[in-house]
Amino acid sequence: MGHTEADLAQVLHTGPFHLALRAALAVRGLPLQRVQHHLAHRGIKVGVTSLSYWQQGARRPQRPESLRAVRALEDVLELPGNSLIRLLDLGEGSARTDVERPAARSYRSLVEASGVVEQLLADLESPADGGLHTVGHHERVRIGAARQLLGRDSAHVVRSHRDGIDRYLAIHHGDPGCDPARVEVSALENCRTGRVRWHRETGVLIAELLFDARLRAGETYLFGYGFEDGTGGPSTEYVRGFSFAGGQYVLQVRFDDGALPVRCRRFAQATTGAPRGARTDLTLSGRHRTVHLVEQGVRPGILGIDWDWE
């Protein structure tokens, strides 16, 4: 598969390590024997077989001499300093956002529902690693005239880090009073709805979105989907938790003309127990009644927008 400088820059940001190394080798046009030769000139001995295993993801460099080789690879391949080492430091799964955390409501309630999410995922026979990580996610949230969460739509770009991935699991968590049995799932672009499971008491729903193709490792895929809700009580915030580092996240909240908040703020939290920081007041746009946030490089933690009605 061909790679461009833009592809390389993106995968150096999102990982995982083996795909970043593979892309760098392809963009620089260096065969493994030549790379081995460059490393040897720097006094570092690494076998071609080891280099091949690293780029395939069959093995990860862990020993001190292997990590020294990775730092030298950054120089040989003309990469930013620490760009490959950083991906190893993140851990094998740390660059992935393959399964969405529940969205909306307070994050405390999301954590309380985590056991339900795990049960529903097990019912769908979903492995912990869904094989995807997020490159970009643009989410649009709609708040209705009764101050309720009407629905949300997503334009989502993911990259596969192994062969054969053909689906994504999206999780919706409604506000108090939500009836997940009445929530409608929409497959908007490049996917179709598969199995849907929900838990009535917590208002959690998980939808399987089936892709139109099986992805190979390193391939990207763009798809759109949405949830039509409107069954819960008044909303005061929209929150998303990120377990892993990822790509760009954009959140837009649109309010009905008949129910406009008096104040809106964006915020971030490192953990659920930490105070909300990075608070910034957001101004409603004049005609479309929206506020938004943009996070260029998502880090593990919590992002959201909250608002006051009175």
Foldseek 3Di string as FASTA:
>chain_A
DAADPVLLVLCLQLDQLLCNLVRLCRHQVPQLVRLQVQVVVVVAHDDSVVNVCSNLVVDPDDDPSSVVSVQVVCVVSVHPGCSNVVNVVCPDCFSADQAWQAKFDAVVLSVVCVVVVVVVCVVVVQDPDLQKHWAEKEKEWEAELQQAGQKMKIWTKIAGQAWFRWKGKYKYFGAAQWALVPKDKFFDFQWDWDDKDDDGVRRMIIIITTGPDIDHHGDMDITMMMIGTPRHHHGFKIKTFGQHKYFKYKYKYFYDPNQAFPWKWKWWDQESPGDTDPIDTFDQDDPGRMTMDMDGIDGGTMIIMGTHRD
